[in-house]
């Protein structure tokens, strides 16, 4: 069995998500906030939710000139 190391708050975030206390948006916020010290990594987001982590970028949403 592989030895997997997770972020400090991984177990807490996973527990909240699995219990239905947190939705995917809340788990996503755990990756982005606080910006200086996020709770989990993008890879952990994918592990918890089963969904790909997509970076939201305001520049990509702006219409092209």
Protein backbone atom coordinates (compact mmCIF):
# COMPACT_ATOMS: atom_id res chain seq x y z
CA UNK A 1 0.00 0.00 0.00
CA UNK A 2 1.32 3.44 -0.94
CA UNK A 3 2.20 5.91 1.77
CA UNK A 4 0.14 9.02 1.01
CA UNK A 5 0.77 12.28 2.79
CA UNK A 6 -2.03 14.81 2.92
CA UNK A 7 -2.36 18.43 3.97
CA UNK A 8 -3.02 19.24 7.61
CA UNK A 9 -6.76 19.83 7.04
CA UNK A 10 -7.39 17.08 4.45
CA UNK A 11 -9.19 14.72 6.84
CA UNK A 12 -11.40 17.52 8.18
CA UNK A 13 -12.41 18.73 4.70
CA UNK A 14 -13.07 15.16 3.53
CA UNK A 15 -15.18 14.44 6.62
CA UNK A 16 -17.29 17.59 6.09
CA UNK A 17 -17.77 16.82 2.39
CA UNK A 18 -18.68 13.17 2.95
CA UNK A 19 -21.16 14.16 5.69
CA UNK A 20 -22.83 16.64 3.32
CA UNK A 21 -21.88 19.61 5.49
CA UNK A 22 -19.69 21.04 2.71
CA UNK A 23 -20.50 21.05 -1.03
CA UNK A 24 -17.97 21.09 -3.90
CA UNK A 25 -17.81 24.89 -3.88
CA UNK A 26 -16.81 24.91 -0.23
CA UNK A 27 -14.13 22.28 -0.85
CA UNK A 28 -12.91 24.38 -3.82
CA UNK A 29 -12.57 27.35 -1.45
CA UNK A 30 -10.39 25.23 0.82
CA UNK A 31 -7.91 25.10 -2.07
CA UNK A 32 -7.96 28.83 -2.78
CA UNK A 33 -8.37 30.39 0.69
CA UNK A 34 -6.56 31.64 2.49
CA UNK A 35 -4.37 32.37 -0.51
CA UNK A 36 -1.23 32.45 1.62
CA UNK A 37 -1.96 29.10 3.27
CA UNK A 38 -4.66 26.98 1.58
CA UNK A 39 -6.16 24.10 3.56
CA UNK A 40 -5.81 21.47 0.80
CA UNK A 41 -4.14 21.05 -2.61
CA UNK A 42 -5.86 20.85 -6.00
CA UNK A 43 -4.97 17.14 -6.10
CA UNK A 44 -6.66 16.62 -2.76
CA UNK A 45 -9.76 18.43 -4.06
CA UNK A 46 -9.93 15.87 -6.86
CA UNK A 47 -9.41 13.01 -4.41
CA UNK A 48 -12.19 14.25 -2.12
CA UNK A 49 -14.80 15.22 -4.73
CA UNK A 50 -13.92 12.90 -7.61
CA UNK A 51 -14.12 15.94 -9.89
CA UNK A 52 -11.26 17.62 -11.77
CA UNK A 53 -9.93 20.82 -10.23
CA UNK A 54 -10.42 23.66 -12.70
CA UNK A 55 -8.70 26.97 -12.04
CA UNK A 56 -11.14 29.86 -12.26
CA UNK A 57 -9.43 32.66 -14.14
CA UNK A 58 -11.24 35.95 -14.72
CA UNK A 59 -9.06 36.73 -17.74
CA UNK A 60 -10.29 33.59 -19.54
CA UNK A 61 -13.90 34.64 -18.99
CA UNK A 62 -13.39 38.08 -20.55
CA UNK A 63 -14.55 38.36 -24.17
CA UNK A 64 -11.80 38.63 -26.75
CA UNK A 65 -11.32 42.00 -28.44
